[in-house]
Amino acid sequence: MNSKIIRNGMVLLIFFFLYRISFSQESDTTAAGVPEEKPAKDKRPVKDAFGSNWIINNQTMVVPTPHTMEFDINHRFGELKNGIKDMYGLYAPSNIRLGLSFTPIKNLQIGAGMTKAQMMYDFNLKWNPLQQTRSGSFPVFITYLGNMVIEGSENTVNWTIKDLSGNDSIVNKRYPKYTDRISYLNEIIIGRKITKQFSLQVAGSYMHYNLIDTVGNNKLLHDNMSVTAAGRVKFYGEMAAVFEYTHPLTPATNVKPNFALGFEATTSAHAFQLFISPFTNIIKQRDVMYNSKDPKFISDYAIGFNVTRLWNF
């Protein structure tokens, strides 16, 4: 798959998104230039901007209503390329995350999860201070997402690291200090429900690793950034096509971007997504920092799914 074509397509999509925002406001005057009387503006947030807290490997701009508990299952199978040998990746080594989150007050969600690969424990917070209104008085959702991840895998030996001064060295422990297990993500998400069928969001992410693995890639940095565009297109009832593109902004040459495409079905309390993607780590900063998969064919992708269940208290 030509990554340049994908990048150009995503740039055009973002420009279209900004264009729709710019021209989404209705005129305050009639054709004759006379001020037009309008009914009181509906400042309630638009409904159903996205069907889930997740859109493939990323979180969406929406926060569930107050006193909502959410249980997440994020699963990534192996790549399709081995065919029937491992049933197209279904029986290949897989990765899974189990997560639980709660919305204690309006527009604020807190949560935690555990991921099989590297035994990663994540603690996250999502805050949505500004919402797109039904009247159009505010055109977009603006959301902050942050997390802290602790890697709990075994403290193996002979691990190559780059310390904060930029020097490579071999250490007798993978994590010389406990704080070396920690990474952080900070992300701003801006999105809009453009039509009843089409929602789009863009995000800028900053991530930091206290310690990084430089084996095979001595250009990795402790601090990295990425940009993401993701969207949903409803085509029948509560069924939709979903997509995302994440591009790492890093000098490391073998860190590759992600393009994923999938299907979503939702109910009032459930959401199910089935998709293909080269990202399999589930935790965003690890995918952005270490993904070296650059699919050329469909068989190079891995199958994944997300399931969410909501309870209102």
C-alpha atoms as a PDB file:
ATOM      1  CA  MET A   1       0.000   0.000   0.000  1.00  0.00           C
ATOM      2  CA  ASN A   2       1.455   3.364  -0.995  1.00  0.00           C
ATOM      3  CA  SER A   3       1.796   5.353   2.227  1.00  0.00           C
ATOM      4  CA  LYS A   4       2.247   8.608   0.290  1.00  0.00           C
ATOM      5  CA  ILE A   5      -1.170   8.212  -1.346  1.00  0.00           C
ATOM      6  CA  ILE A   6      -2.722   7.477   2.045  1.00  0.00           C
ATOM      7  CA  ARG A   7      -1.082  10.533   3.616  1.00  0.00           C
ATOM      8  CA  ASN A   8      -2.273  12.800   0.798  1.00  0.00           C
ATOM      9  CA  GLY A   9      -5.773  11.394   1.123  1.00  0.00           C
ATOM     10  CA  MET A  10      -5.825  12.053   4.863  1.00  0.00           C
ATOM     11  CA  VAL A  11      -4.611  15.640   4.336  1.00  0.00           C
ATOM     12  CA  LEU A  12      -7.490  16.230   1.913  1.00  0.00           C
ATOM     13  CA  LEU A  13      -9.885  14.715   4.431  1.00  0.00           C
ATOM     14  CA  ILE A  14      -8.645  17.059   7.171  1.00  0.00           C
ATOM     15  CA  PHE A  15      -9.018  20.089   4.879  1.00  0.00           C
ATOM     16  CA  PHE A  16     -12.578  18.973   4.106  1.00  0.00           C
ATOM     17  CA  PHE A  17     -13.219  18.696   7.838  1.00  0.00           C
ATOM     18  CA  LEU A  18     -11.968  22.246   8.478  1.00  0.00           C
ATOM     19  CA  TYR A  19     -13.967  23.548   5.501  1.00  0.00           C
ATOM     20  CA  ARG A  20     -17.179  22.096   6.907  1.00  0.00           C
ATOM     21  CA  ILE A  21     -16.489  23.699  10.282  1.00  0.00           C
ATOM     22  CA  SER A  22     -15.846  27.108   8.713  1.00  0.00           C
ATOM     23  CA  PHE A  23     -19.110  27.095   6.770  1.00  0.00           C
ATOM     24  CA  SER A  24     -21.308  25.297   9.254  1.00  0.00           C
ATOM     25  CA  GLN A  25     -22.769  28.455  10.773  1.00  0.00           C
ATOM     26  CA  GLU A  26     -26.005  29.796   9.297  1.00  0.00           C
ATOM     27  CA  SER A  27     -26.229  33.392   8.155  1.00  0.00           C
ATOM     28  CA  ASP A  28     -27.715  35.910  10.602  1.00  0.00           C
ATOM     29  CA  THR A  29     -29.341  37.980   7.814  1.00  0.00           C
ATOM     30  CA  THR A  30     -31.875  37.446   5.064  1.00  0.00           C
ATOM     31  CA  ALA A  31     -31.088  37.848   1.377  1.00  0.00           C
ATOM     32  CA  ALA A  32     -32.198  41.496   1.647  1.00  0.00           C
ATOM     33  CA  GLY A  33     -29.711  42.138   4.434  1.00  0.00           C
ATOM     34  CA  VAL A  34     -32.380  42.375   7.136  1.00  0.00           C
ATOM     35  CA  PRO A  35     -31.489  40.715  10.452  1.00  0.00           C
ATOM     36  CA  GLU A  36     -33.266  37.393  10.705  1.00  0.00           C
ATOM     37  CA  GLU A  37     -35.119  36.405  13.850  1.00  0.00           C
ATOM     38  CA  LYS A  38     -34.061  33.032  15.156  1.00  0.00           C
ATOM     39  CA  PRO A  39     -35.443  30.738  17.825  1.00  0.00           C
ATOM     40  CA  ALA A  40     -33.440  30.259  21.007  1.00  0.00           C
ATOM     41  CA  LYS A  41     -30.281  28.310  20.301  1.00  0.00           C
ATOM     42  CA  ASP A  42     -30.167  24.690  21.434  1.00  0.00           C
ATOM     43  CA  LYS A  43     -26.883  24.441  23.314  1.00  0.00           C
ATOM     44  CA  ARG A  44     -27.191  20.747  24.076  1.00  0.00           C
ATOM     45  CA  PRO A  45     -24.388  18.575  22.623  1.00  0.00           C
ATOM     46  CA  VAL A  46     -25.164  16.692  19.415  1.00  0.00           C
ATOM     47  CA  LYS A  47     -26.066  13.046  19.940  1.00  0.00           C
ATOM     48  CA  ASP A  48     -24.430   9.961  18.464  1.00  0.00           C
ATOM     49  CA  ALA A  49     -21.264  11.663  17.223  1.00  0.00           C
ATOM     50  CA  PHE A  50     -19.553   8.281  17.503  1.00  0.00           C
ATOM     51  CA  GLY A  51     -20.974   4.914  18.469  1.00  0.00           C
ATOM     52  CA  SER A  52     -18.272   4.009  20.970  1.00  0.00           C
ATOM     53  CA  ASN A  53     -15.482   5.264  23.181  1.00  0.00           C
ATOM     54  CA  TRP A  54     -13.144   3.520  20.723  1.00  0.00           C
ATOM     55  CA  ILE A  55     -12.533   3.832  17.021  1.00  0.00           C
ATOM     56  CA  ILE A  56     -10.213   0.914  16.176  1.00  0.00           C
ATOM     57  CA  ASN A  57      -6.896   1.724  17.953  1.00  0.00           C
ATOM     58  CA  ASN A  58      -7.827   5.205  19.133  1.00  0.00           C
ATOM     59  CA  GLN A  59     -10.270   6.701  21.584  1.00  0.00           C
ATOM     60  CA  THR A  60     -12.999   8.976  20.254  1.00  0.00           C
ATOM     61  CA  MET A  61     -13.822  12.531  21.265  1.00  0.00           C
ATOM     62  CA  VAL A  62     -16.976  11.503  23.172  1.00  0.00           C
ATOM     63  CA  VAL A  63     -17.365  10.870  26.904  1.00  0.00           C
ATOM     64  CA  PRO A  64     -20.274   8.730  28.167  1.00  0.00           C
ATOM     65  CA  THR A  65     -23.021  10.316  30.260  1.00  0.00           C
ATOM     66  CA  PRO A  66     -22.389  10.749  34.021  1.00  0.00           C
ATOM     67  CA  HIS A  67     -22.431   7.631  36.217  1.00  0.00           C
ATOM     68  CA  THR A  68     -21.727   5.310  33.280  1.00  0.00           C
ATOM     69  CA  MET A  69     -19.457   2.305  33.767  1.00  0.00           C
ATOM     70  CA  GLU A  70     -17.788   0.838  30.678  1.00  0.00           C
ATOM     71  CA  PHE A  71     -16.091  -2.524  30.198  1.00  0.00           C
ATOM     72  CA  ASP A  72     -13.760  -2.883  27.201  1.00  0.00           C
ATOM     73  CA  ILE A  73     -12.334  -5.899  25.415  1.00  0.00           C
ATOM     74  CA  ASN A  74      -9.678  -4.995  22.821  1.00  0.00           C
ATOM     75  CA  HIS A  75      -8.350  -8.041  20.930  1.00  0.00           C
ATOM     76  CA  ARG A  76      -5.704  -8.329  18.210  1.00  0.00           C
ATOM     77  CA  PHE A  77      -5.099 -11.570  16.309  1.00  0.00           C
ATOM     78  CA  GLY A  78      -2.096 -12.418  14.127  1.00  0.00           C
ATOM     79  CA  GLU A  79      -1.515 -11.452  10.503  1.00  0.00           C
ATOM     80  CA  LEU A  80      -3.525 -12.965   7.668  1.00  0.00           C
ATOM     81  CA  LYS A  81      -0.464 -14.050   5.649  1.00  0.00           C
ATOM     82  CA  ASN A  82      -0.104 -17.620   6.973  1.00  0.00           C
ATOM     83  CA  GLY A  83      -3.485 -18.586   5.610  1.00  0.00           C
ATOM     84  CA  ILE A  84      -5.007 -21.808   6.880  1.00  0.00           C
ATOM     85  CA  LYS A  85      -1.841 -22.742   8.830  1.00  0.00           C
ATOM     86  CA  ASP A  86      -3.073 -20.597  11.731  1.00  0.00           C
ATOM     87  CA  MET A  87      -6.588 -19.949  10.358  1.00  0.00           C
ATOM     88  CA  TYR A  88      -5.591 -16.542   8.940  1.00  0.00           C
ATOM     89  CA  GLY A  89      -4.143 -15.327  12.208  1.00  0.00           C
ATOM     90  CA  LEU A  90      -7.015 -16.413  14.467  1.00  0.00           C
ATOM     91  CA  TYR A  91      -4.799 -19.054  16.121  1.00  0.00           C
ATOM     92  CA  ALA A  92      -1.579 -17.047  15.913  1.00  0.00           C
ATOM     93  CA  PRO A  93      -0.135 -15.402  19.045  1.00  0.00           C
ATOM     94  CA  SER A  94      -2.578 -12.659  19.985  1.00  0.00           C
ATOM     95  CA  ASN A  95      -2.832  -9.633  22.232  1.00  0.00           C
ATOM     96  CA  ILE A  96      -5.733  -8.593  24.433  1.00  0.00           C
ATOM     97  CA  ARG A  97      -6.628  -5.717  26.729  1.00  0.00           C
ATOM     98  CA  LEU A  98      -9.329  -5.711  29.395  1.00  0.00           C
ATOM     99  CA  GLY A  99     -10.372  -2.289  30.630  1.00  0.00           C
ATOM    100  CA  LEU A 100     -12.856  -0.698  33.003  1.00  0.00           C
ATOM    101  CA  SER A 101     -13.773   2.983  33.141  1.00  0.00           C
ATOM    102  CA  PHE A 102     -16.301   5.217  34.885  1.00  0.00           C
ATOM    103  CA  THR A 103     -17.724   8.697  34.324  1.00  0.00           C
ATOM    104  CA  PRO A 104     -18.066  10.194  37.841  1.00  0.00           C
ATOM    105  CA  ILE A 105     -19.149  13.647  36.678  1.00  0.00           C
ATOM    106  CA  LYS A 106     -20.251  15.249  33.435  1.00  0.00           C
ATOM    107  CA  ASN A 107     -17.650  15.153  30.628  1.00  0.00           C
ATOM    108  CA  LEU A 108     -14.946  13.411  32.711  1.00  0.00           C
ATOM    109  CA  GLN A 109     -14.023   9.736  32.426  1.00  0.00           C
ATOM    110  CA  ILE A 110     -11.366   7.823  34.365  1.00  0.00           C
ATOM    111  CA  GLY A 111     -10.297   4.244  33.760  1.00  0.00           C
ATOM    112  CA  ALA A 112      -7.696   1.504  33.926  1.00  0.00           C
ATOM    113  CA  GLY A 113      -6.789  -1.553  31.915  1.00  0.00           C
ATOM    114  CA  MET A 114      -4.341  -4.427  31.539  1.00  0.00           C
ATOM    115  CA  THR A 115      -2.763  -5.563  28.242  1.00  0.00           C
ATOM    116  CA  LYS A 116      -1.223  -8.991  27.672  1.00  0.00           C
ATOM    117  CA  ALA A 117       1.811  -7.868  25.610  1.00  0.00           C
ATOM    118  CA  GLN A 118       4.524  -6.580  27.955  1.00  0.00           C
ATOM    119  CA  MET A 119       1.931  -6.930  30.770  1.00  0.00           C
ATOM    120  CA  MET A 120       1.083  -3.262  30.465  1.00  0.00           C
ATOM    121  CA  TYR A 121      -1.120  -1.582  33.082  1.00  0.00           C
ATOM    122  CA  ASP A 122      -2.712   1.659  31.902  1.00  0.00           C
ATOM    123  CA  PHE A 123      -4.420   4.420  33.866  1.00  0.00           C
ATOM    124  CA  ASN A 124      -6.275   6.965  31.773  1.00  0.00           C
ATOM    125  CA  LEU A 125      -8.348  10.119  31.950  1.00  0.00           C
ATOM    126  CA  LYS A 126     -10.531  11.725  29.293  1.00  0.00           C
ATOM    127  CA  TRP A 127     -12.027  15.215  29.634  1.00  0.00           C
ATOM    128  CA  ASN A 128     -14.389  16.808  27.125  1.00  0.00           C
ATOM    129  CA  PRO A 129     -14.768  20.485  28.126  1.00  0.00           C
ATOM    130  CA  LEU A 130     -16.264  21.682  24.813  1.00  0.00           C
ATOM    131  CA  GLN A 131     -18.958  19.979  22.754  1.00  0.00           C
ATOM    132  CA  GLN A 132     -20.486  20.568  19.345  1.00  0.00           C
ATOM    133  CA  THR A 133     -23.964  22.012  19.945  1.00  0.00           C
ATOM    134  CA  ARG A 134     -27.154  21.066  18.126  1.00  0.00           C
ATOM    135  CA  SER A 135     -27.730  24.671  17.100  1.00  0.00           C
ATOM    136  CA  GLY A 136     -24.204  24.993  15.695  1.00  0.00           C
ATOM    137  CA  SER A 137     -23.254  27.745  18.167  1.00  0.00           C
ATOM    138  CA  PHE A 138     -20.085  25.726  18.824  1.00  0.00           C
ATOM    139  CA  PRO A 139     -18.960  23.643  15.847  1.00  0.00           C
ATOM    140  CA  VAL A 140     -16.697  20.917  17.288  1.00  0.00           C
ATOM    141  CA  PHE A 141     -15.891  18.635  20.196  1.00  0.00           C
ATOM    142  CA  ILE A 142     -12.562  19.319  21.911  1.00  0.00           C
ATOM    143  CA  THR A 143     -11.307  16.548  24.187  1.00  0.00           C
ATOM    144  CA  TYR A 144      -8.155  15.875  26.204  1.00  0.00           C
ATOM    145  CA  LEU A 145      -6.909  12.298  26.673  1.00  0.00           C
ATOM    146  CA  GLY A 146      -4.048  11.337  28.942  1.00  0.00           C
ATOM    147  CA  ASN A 147      -2.627   8.088  30.259  1.00  0.00           C
ATOM    148  CA  MET A 148       0.186   6.581  32.263  1.00  0.00           C
ATOM    149  CA  VAL A 149       1.329   3.050  31.391  1.00  0.00           C
ATOM    150  CA  ILE A 150       3.452   0.740  33.541  1.00  0.00           C
ATOM    151  CA  GLU A 151       5.156  -2.207  31.833  1.00  0.00           C
ATOM    152  CA  GLY A 152       5.106  -5.231  34.127  1.00  0.00           C
ATOM    153  CA  SER A 153       7.054  -7.714  32.002  1.00  0.00           C
ATOM    154  CA  GLU A 154      10.037  -9.703  33.286  1.00  0.00           C
ATOM    155  CA  ASN A 155      13.264  -7.847  34.068  1.00  0.00           C
ATOM    156  CA  THR A 156      15.399  -9.622  31.438  1.00  0.00           C
ATOM    157  CA  VAL A 157      19.142  -9.156  31.011  1.00  0.00           C
ATOM    158  CA  ASN A 158      21.403  -7.787  28.254  1.00  0.00           C
ATOM    159  CA  TRP A 159      19.044  -5.009  27.236  1.00  0.00           C
ATOM    160  CA  THR A 160      20.297  -2.110  25.116  1.00  0.00           C
ATOM    161  CA  ILE A 161      19.055   1.295  26.254  1.00  0.00           C
ATOM    162  CA  LYS A 162      19.557   4.946  25.463  1.00  0.00           C
ATOM    163  CA  ASP A 163      19.800   6.980  28.648  1.00  0.00           C
ATOM    164  CA  LEU A 164      18.639  10.583  29.046  1.00  0.00           C
ATOM    165  CA  SER A 165      22.045  11.891  27.981  1.00  0.00           C
ATOM    166  CA  GLY A 166      21.697  10.034  24.671  1.00  0.00           C
ATOM    167  CA  ASN A 167      24.282   7.308  25.283  1.00  0.00           C
ATOM    168  CA  ASP A 168      23.714   3.671  24.298  1.00  0.00           C
ATOM    169  CA  SER A 169      24.682   1.048  26.840  1.00  0.00           C
ATOM    170  CA  ILE A 170      24.093  -2.581  27.755  1.00  0.00           C
ATOM    171  CA  VAL A 171      22.548  -3.047  31.186  1.00  0.00           C
ATOM    172  CA  ASN A 172      22.059  -6.197  33.233  1.00  0.00           C
ATOM    173  CA  LYS A 173      18.384  -5.424  33.707  1.00  0.00           C
ATOM    174  CA  ARG A 174      15.745  -4.412  31.207  1.00  0.00           C
ATOM    175  CA  TYR A 175      14.432  -1.851  33.692  1.00  0.00           C
ATOM    176  CA  PRO A 176      17.299  -0.606  35.895  1.00  0.00           C
ATOM    177  CA  LYS A 177      14.807   1.459  37.945  1.00  0.00           C
ATOM    178  CA  TYR A 178      11.104   0.960  38.526  1.00  0.00           C
ATOM    179  CA  THR A 179      10.336   4.342  36.938  1.00  0.00           C
ATOM    180  CA  ASP A 180      11.940   3.050  33.708  1.00  0.00           C
ATOM    181  CA  ARG A 181       8.775   0.996  33.202  1.00  0.00           C
ATOM    182  CA  ILE A 182       6.582   4.097  32.846  1.00  0.00           C
ATOM    183  CA  SER A 183       5.399   5.910  29.725  1.00  0.00           C
ATOM    184  CA  TYR A 184       2.914   8.747  29.235  1.00  0.00           C
ATOM    185  CA  LEU A 185       0.515   9.975  26.565  1.00  0.00           C
ATOM    186  CA  ASN A 186      -1.080  13.405  26.172  1.00  0.00           C
ATOM    187  CA  GLU A 187      -3.528  13.947  23.307  1.00  0.00           C
ATOM    188  CA  ILE A 188      -5.893  16.648  22.063  1.00  0.00           C
ATOM    189  CA  ILE A 189      -8.819  15.430  19.942  1.00  0.00           C
ATOM    190  CA  ILE A 190     -10.921  17.776  17.797  1.00  0.00           C
ATOM    191  CA  GLY A 191     -13.920  16.320  16.018  1.00  0.00           C
ATOM    192  CA  ARG A 192     -17.270  17.029  14.449  1.00  0.00           C
ATOM    193  CA  LYS A 193     -20.424  15.186  13.510  1.00  0.00           C
ATOM    194  CA  ILE A 194     -20.583  16.565   9.985  1.00  0.00           C
ATOM    195  CA  THR A 195     -23.798  14.874   8.866  1.00  0.00           C
ATOM    196  CA  LYS A 196     -26.163  12.324  10.396  1.00  0.00           C
ATOM    197  CA  GLN A 197     -24.065   9.614   8.747  1.00  0.00           C
ATOM    198  CA  PHE A 198     -20.518  11.014   8.868  1.00  0.00           C
ATOM    199  CA  SER A 199     -18.326  11.941  11.857  1.00  0.00           C
ATOM    200  CA  LEU A 200     -14.638  12.842  11.704  1.00  0.00           C
ATOM    201  CA  GLN A 201     -11.956  13.622  14.264  1.00  0.00           C
ATOM    202  CA  VAL A 202      -8.294  14.614  14.179  1.00  0.00           C
ATOM    203  CA  ALA A 203      -5.818  14.322  17.043  1.00  0.00           C
ATOM    204  CA  GLY A 204      -2.332  15.411  17.972  1.00  0.00           C
ATOM    205  CA  SER A 205      -0.438  13.237  20.444  1.00  0.00           C
ATOM    206  CA  TYR A 206       2.684  13.693  22.560  1.00  0.00           C
ATOM    207  CA  MET A 207       4.188  10.651  24.234  1.00  0.00           C
ATOM    208  CA  HIS A 208       7.143  10.101  26.542  1.00  0.00           C
ATOM    209  CA  TYR A 209       9.037   6.946  27.548  1.00  0.00           C
ATOM    210  CA  ASN A 210      11.300   7.066  30.590  1.00  0.00           C
ATOM    211  CA  LEU A 211      13.406   4.343  28.949  1.00  0.00           C
ATOM    212  CA  ILE A 212      13.507   3.209  25.323  1.00  0.00           C
ATOM    213  CA  ASP A 213      14.822   0.125  23.540  1.00  0.00           C
ATOM    214  CA  THR A 214      17.409   1.070  20.905  1.00  0.00           C
ATOM    215  CA  VAL A 215      18.112  -2.449  19.647  1.00  0.00           C
ATOM    216  CA  GLY A 216      18.001  -2.175  15.850  1.00  0.00           C
ATOM    217  CA  ASN A 217      17.012   1.492  15.938  1.00  0.00           C
ATOM    218  CA  ASN A 218      19.347   3.980  17.582  1.00  0.00           C
ATOM    219  CA  LYS A 219      17.297   6.954  16.345  1.00  0.00           C
ATOM    220  CA  LEU A 220      14.445   6.358  18.765  1.00  0.00           C
ATOM    221  CA  LEU A 221      13.775   9.238  21.139  1.00  0.00           C
ATOM    222  CA  HIS A 222      12.271   9.443  24.599  1.00  0.00           C
ATOM    223  CA  ASP A 223       9.736  11.984  23.323  1.00  0.00           C
ATOM    224  CA  ASN A 224       7.664  11.506  20.176  1.00  0.00           C
ATOM    225  CA  MET A 225       4.540  12.932  18.562  1.00  0.00           C
ATOM    226  CA  SER A 226       1.936  11.691  16.107  1.00  0.00           C
ATOM    227  CA  VAL A 227      -1.113  12.906  14.200  1.00  0.00           C
ATOM    228  CA  THR A 228      -4.284  10.879  13.667  1.00  0.00           C
ATOM    229  CA  ALA A 229      -7.438  11.175  11.582  1.00  0.00           C
ATOM    230  CA  ALA A 230     -10.350   8.828  12.197  1.00  0.00           C
ATOM    231  CA  GLY A 231     -13.948   8.672  11.086  1.00  0.00           C
ATOM    232  CA  ARG A 232     -17.229   6.794  10.949  1.00  0.00           C
ATOM    233  CA  VAL A 233     -19.667   6.506   8.035  1.00  0.00           C
ATOM    234  CA  LYS A 234     -23.072   5.032   8.917  1.00  0.00           C
ATOM    235  CA  PHE A 235     -24.638   3.100   6.060  1.00  0.00           C
ATOM    236  CA  TYR A 236     -27.580   1.157   7.536  1.00  0.00           C
ATOM    237  CA  GLY A 237     -29.266   1.689  10.886  1.00  0.00           C
ATOM    238  CA  GLU A 238     -26.600   1.424  13.576  1.00  0.00           C
ATOM    239  CA  MET A 239     -24.029  -0.195  11.287  1.00  0.00           C
ATOM    240  CA  ALA A 240     -21.080   1.822  10.019  1.00  0.00           C
ATOM    241  CA  ALA A 241     -17.706   1.721   8.311  1.00  0.00           C
ATOM    242  CA  VAL A 242     -14.836   3.031  10.464  1.00  0.00           C
ATOM    243  CA  PHE A 243     -11.307   4.063   9.513  1.00  0.00           C
ATOM    244  CA  GLU A 244      -8.191   5.639  10.992  1.00  0.00           C
ATOM    245  CA  TYR A 245      -4.747   6.796   9.940  1.00  0.00           C
ATOM    246  CA  THR A 246      -1.957   7.479  12.457  1.00  0.00           C
ATOM    247  CA  HIS A 247       1.322   8.988  11.332  1.00  0.00           C
ATOM    248  CA  PRO A 248       4.306   9.022  13.726  1.00  0.00           C
ATOM    249  CA  LEU A 249       6.398  12.206  13.763  1.00  0.00           C
ATOM    250  CA  THR A 250       9.753  10.650  14.610  1.00  0.00           C
ATOM    251  CA  PRO A 251      13.225  10.521  13.041  1.00  0.00           C
ATOM    252  CA  ALA A 252      13.326   6.724  13.435  1.00  0.00           C
ATOM    253  CA  THR A 253      13.291   5.305   9.901  1.00  0.00           C
ATOM    254  CA  ASN A 254      11.788   1.904  10.667  1.00  0.00           C
ATOM    255  CA  VAL A 255       8.772   3.220  12.619  1.00  0.00           C
ATOM    256  CA  LYS A 256       5.803   2.998  10.260  1.00  0.00           C
ATOM    257  CA  PRO A 257       2.347   4.625  10.120  1.00  0.00           C
ATOM    258  CA  ASN A 258      -0.963   2.863  10.576  1.00  0.00           C
ATOM    259  CA  PHE A 259      -3.967   2.694   8.258  1.00  0.00           C
ATOM    260  CA  ALA A 260      -6.909   0.651   9.497  1.00  0.00           C
ATOM    261  CA  LEU A 261     -10.372  -0.060   8.147  1.00  0.00           C
ATOM    262  CA  GLY A 262     -13.305  -1.820   9.750  1.00  0.00           C
ATOM    263  CA  PHE A 263     -16.973  -2.376  10.509  1.00  0.00           C
ATOM    264  CA  GLU A 264     -18.983  -1.226  13.539  1.00  0.00           C
ATOM    265  CA  ALA A 265     -22.369  -2.268  14.941  1.00  0.00           C
ATOM    266  CA  THR A 266     -23.878  -0.589  18.002  1.00  0.00           C
ATOM    267  CA  THR A 267     -26.841  -0.741  20.354  1.00  0.00           C
ATOM    268  CA  SER A 268     -27.724   1.542  23.258  1.00  0.00           C
ATOM    269  CA  ALA A 269     -25.390  -0.383  25.590  1.00  0.00           C
ATOM    270  CA  HIS A 270     -23.011  -2.303  23.296  1.00  0.00           C
ATOM    271  CA  ALA A 271     -20.556  -1.567  20.516  1.00  0.00           C
ATOM    272  CA  PHE A 272     -18.692  -4.076  18.374  1.00  0.00           C
ATOM    273  CA  GLN A 273     -15.930  -3.266  15.887  1.00  0.00           C
ATOM    274  CA  LEU A 274     -14.178  -5.715  13.542  1.00  0.00           C
ATOM    275  CA  PHE A 275     -11.220  -4.397  11.541  1.00  0.00           C
ATOM    276  CA  ILE A 276      -7.809  -4.927   9.948  1.00  0.00           C
ATOM    277  CA  SER A 277      -4.768  -2.971  11.116  1.00  0.00           C
ATOM    278  CA  PRO A 278      -0.966  -3.285  11.343  1.00  0.00           C
ATOM    279  CA  PHE A 279      -1.088  -1.940  14.922  1.00  0.00           C
ATOM    280  CA  THR A 280      -1.367  -4.776  17.456  1.00  0.00           C
ATOM    281  CA  ASN A 281       0.000  -3.357  20.726  1.00  0.00           C
ATOM    282  CA  ILE A 282      -3.360  -1.695  21.642  1.00  0.00           C
ATOM    283  CA  ILE A 283      -1.575   0.874  23.840  1.00  0.00           C
ATOM    284  CA  LYS A 284      -1.116   3.876  21.543  1.00  0.00           C
ATOM    285  CA  GLN A 285       2.317   5.090  22.605  1.00  0.00           C
ATOM    286  CA  ARG A 286       3.802   1.629  22.123  1.00  0.00           C
ATOM    287  CA  ASP A 287       2.300   1.309  18.640  1.00  0.00           C
ATOM    288  CA  VAL A 288       3.541   4.755  17.620  1.00  0.00           C
ATOM    289  CA  MET A 289       7.011   4.218  19.114  1.00  0.00           C
ATOM    290  CA  TYR A 290       7.741   0.674  17.947  1.00  0.00           C
ATOM    291  CA  ASN A 291       5.504  -0.340  15.017  1.00  0.00           C
ATOM    292  CA  SER A 292       7.740  -1.518  12.164  1.00  0.00           C
ATOM    293  CA  LYS A 293       5.000  -3.194  10.110  1.00  0.00           C
ATOM    294  CA  ASP A 294       4.465  -1.572   6.719  1.00  0.00           C
ATOM    295  CA  PRO A 295       1.778  -3.640   4.945  1.00  0.00           C
ATOM    296  CA  LYS A 296       1.935  -3.923   1.165  1.00  0.00           C
ATOM    297  CA  PHE A 297      -0.941  -6.378   0.797  1.00  0.00           C
ATOM    298  CA  ILE A 298      -4.109  -7.235   2.691  1.00  0.00           C
ATOM    299  CA  SER A 299      -2.409 -10.415   3.917  1.00  0.00           C
ATOM    300  CA  ASP A 300       0.104  -8.268   5.837  1.00  0.00           C
ATOM    301  CA  TYR A 301      -2.646  -6.901   8.086  1.00  0.00           C
ATOM    302  CA  ALA A 302      -3.876  -8.372  11.375  1.00  0.00           C
ATOM    303  CA  ILE A 303      -7.518  -8.844  12.338  1.00  0.00           C
ATOM    304  CA  GLY A 304      -8.760  -7.156  15.502  1.00  0.00           C
ATOM    305  CA  PHE A 305     -11.952  -6.420  17.339  1.00  0.00           C
ATOM    306  CA  ASN A 306     -13.220  -4.130  20.112  1.00  0.00           C
ATOM    307  CA  VAL A 307     -16.234  -4.821  22.325  1.00  0.00           C
ATOM    308  CA  THR A 308     -17.644  -2.301  24.810  1.00  0.00           C
ATOM    309  CA  ARG A 309     -20.467  -2.709  27.318  1.00  0.00           C
ATOM    310  CA  LEU A 310     -22.087   0.193  29.186  1.00  0.00           C
ATOM    311  CA  TRP A 311     -24.025   0.279  32.469  1.00  0.00           C
ATOM    312  CA  ASN A 312     -25.769   3.419  33.737  1.00  0.00           C
ATOM    313  CA  PHE A 313     -26.135   3.961  37.488  1.00  0.00           C
END
